[in-house]
Structures are given as structure tokens and as C-alpha cells.
Amino acid sequence: MTDRRTDPLLQDLDRRLVIGAGVMLAIASLAGLAGSVMCGIALMDASRRWYRRVDLAPHELANLKLRQAKAAMGAGAGAWSDAERSVYSPRSGRRR
């Protein structure tokens, strides 16, 4: 028999390639982190400007949004039932 090793060795790895991949991952991670920070800053700035423009106290704004949501829900439910009544007739009203 020949004396051949079949298990993988660290010598099989191309160290330059592994180091290059690590450097690229580090650069991409830093770029992603910088992009996330920039996005967060933009969102905070936009929310600050919106809050100044609203000119309402937080509890008043919350009450307004709640009333708007209830009105939209009522309008949607009304439109749903109106459309159902105008398009579909109940089975009991159909002729056979």
C-alpha cells in the first residue's frame, strides 16, 4: 500500500485567498454599518421635521389618528356591505 493521506490539512488552504475574503467581509460589514447609520439618521431627521410640522401634543395626535382609523374602518365596512348587497343576491331570493 502507498502512504497517502486522505484527511484535509491546513496546508491545502490558500491563505492569501482566505485573508482576502476576510478583508472583503470586513469592508462590506463596515459599509453596511455606515449605510444603516445613515438610514437611521435620515429617518430620525424626517420624523423630527414631521413632528414639528404637526403642531399637536402627542396625546392629541394619538387621539386624531385613532379617530381617523375608526372612520376609515367604518367607511371600509360600509363600502364592503354596500358592494355585497348591490352585486350579489342572497340564495333565498334567487329563482330556481
Protein backbone atom coordinates (compact mmCIF):
# COMPACT_ATOMS: atom_id res chain seq x y z
CA MET A 1 0.00 0.00 0.00
CA THR A 2 1.03 3.55 -0.57
CA ASP A 3 1.29 6.05 2.23
CA ARG A 4 -1.21 8.69 1.08
CA ARG A 5 -3.06 10.95 3.48
CA THR A 6 -6.76 11.39 2.76
CA ASP A 7 -7.69 13.82 5.53
CA PRO A 8 -7.69 17.57 4.78
CA LEU A 9 -4.80 19.66 6.03
CA LEU A 10 -4.39 23.37 6.71
CA GLN A 11 -1.71 23.35 4.05
CA ASP A 12 -4.48 22.74 1.49
CA LEU A 13 -5.96 26.18 2.15
CA ASP A 14 -4.81 29.10 0.08
CA ARG A 15 -4.08 31.54 2.90
CA ARG A 16 -3.98 34.58 0.61
CA LEU A 17 -7.47 33.78 -0.59
CA VAL A 18 -8.79 33.30 2.96
CA ILE A 19 -7.19 36.56 4.14
CA GLY A 20 -8.54 38.40 1.09
CA ALA A 21 -12.04 37.05 1.78
CA GLY A 22 -11.79 38.18 5.41
CA VAL A 23 -10.71 41.67 4.38
CA MET A 24 -13.56 41.92 1.87
CA LEU A 25 -16.07 40.77 4.52
CA ALA A 26 -14.75 43.37 6.97
CA ILE A 27 -15.03 46.14 4.36
CA ALA A 28 -18.55 45.06 3.40
CA SER A 29 -19.57 44.93 7.07
CA LEU A 30 -18.28 48.46 7.65
CA ALA A 31 -20.07 49.71 4.54
CA GLY A 32 -23.30 48.07 5.68
CA LEU A 33 -22.94 49.56 9.15
CA ALA A 34 -22.31 53.02 7.69
CA GLY A 35 -25.38 52.66 5.45
CA SER A 36 -27.53 51.61 8.39
CA VAL A 37 -26.36 54.58 10.44
CA MET A 38 -27.08 56.97 7.57
CA CYS A 39 -30.56 55.49 7.11
CA GLY A 40 -31.29 55.82 10.82
CA ILE A 41 -30.16 59.45 10.85
CA ALA A 42 -32.36 60.22 7.82
CA LEU A 43 -35.39 58.58 9.45
CA MET A 44 -34.86 60.41 12.75
CA ASP A 45 -34.47 63.73 10.92
CA ALA A 46 -37.63 63.13 8.90
CA SER A 47 -39.63 62.21 11.99
CA ARG A 48 -38.35 65.30 13.82
CA ARG A 49 -39.39 67.55 10.92
CA TRP A 50 -42.81 65.85 10.70
CA TYR A 51 -43.39 66.25 14.44
CA ARG A 52 -42.56 69.97 14.30
CA ARG A 53 -44.92 70.42 11.35
CA VAL A 54 -47.83 68.62 13.06
CA ASP A 55 -48.08 71.23 15.83
CA LEU A 56 -50.10 68.94 18.15
CA ALA A 57 -49.33 67.46 21.52
CA PRO A 58 -48.52 63.72 21.40
CA HIS A 59 -51.79 62.68 23.09
CA GLU A 60 -53.81 64.90 20.72
CA LEU A 61 -52.02 63.38 17.74
CA ALA A 62 -52.70 59.87 19.04
CA ASN A 63 -56.40 60.67 19.50
CA LEU A 64 -56.59 62.15 16.00
CA LYS A 65 -55.00 59.06 14.44
CA LEU A 66 -57.34 56.80 16.41
CA ARG A 67 -60.40 58.73 15.18
CA GLN A 68 -59.07 58.58 11.60
CA ALA A 69 -58.55 54.83 11.85
CA LYS A 70 -62.06 54.30 13.22
CA ALA A 71 -63.55 56.44 10.44
CA ALA A 72 -61.61 54.52 7.79
CA MET A 73 -62.69 51.21 9.29
CA GLY A 74 -66.35 52.29 9.28
CA ALA A 75 -66.13 53.56 5.70
CA GLY A 76 -64.47 50.35 4.55
CA ALA A 77 -67.06 48.17 6.26
CA GLY A 78 -69.88 50.23 4.78
CA ALA A 79 -68.43 50.04 1.27
CA TRP A 80 -67.91 46.30 1.67
CA SER A 81 -71.51 45.63 2.66
CA ASP A 82 -72.90 48.03 0.00
CA ALA A 83 -70.92 46.29 -2.73
CA GLU A 84 -72.02 42.89 -1.49
CA ARG A 85 -75.69 43.87 -1.47
CA SER A 86 -75.58 45.51 -4.91
CA VAL A 87 -73.70 42.73 -6.72
CA TYR A 88 -74.74 39.51 -5.04
CA SER A 89 -78.25 38.48 -4.20
CA PRO A 90 -78.92 36.10 -1.35
CA ARG A 91 -79.68 32.47 -2.18
CA SER A 92 -83.15 32.71 -0.70
CA GLY A 93 -84.06 35.47 -3.18
CA ARG A 94 -82.97 33.58 -6.30
CA ARG A 95 -85.38 31.86 -8.63
CA ARG A 96 -84.99 28.19 -9.28
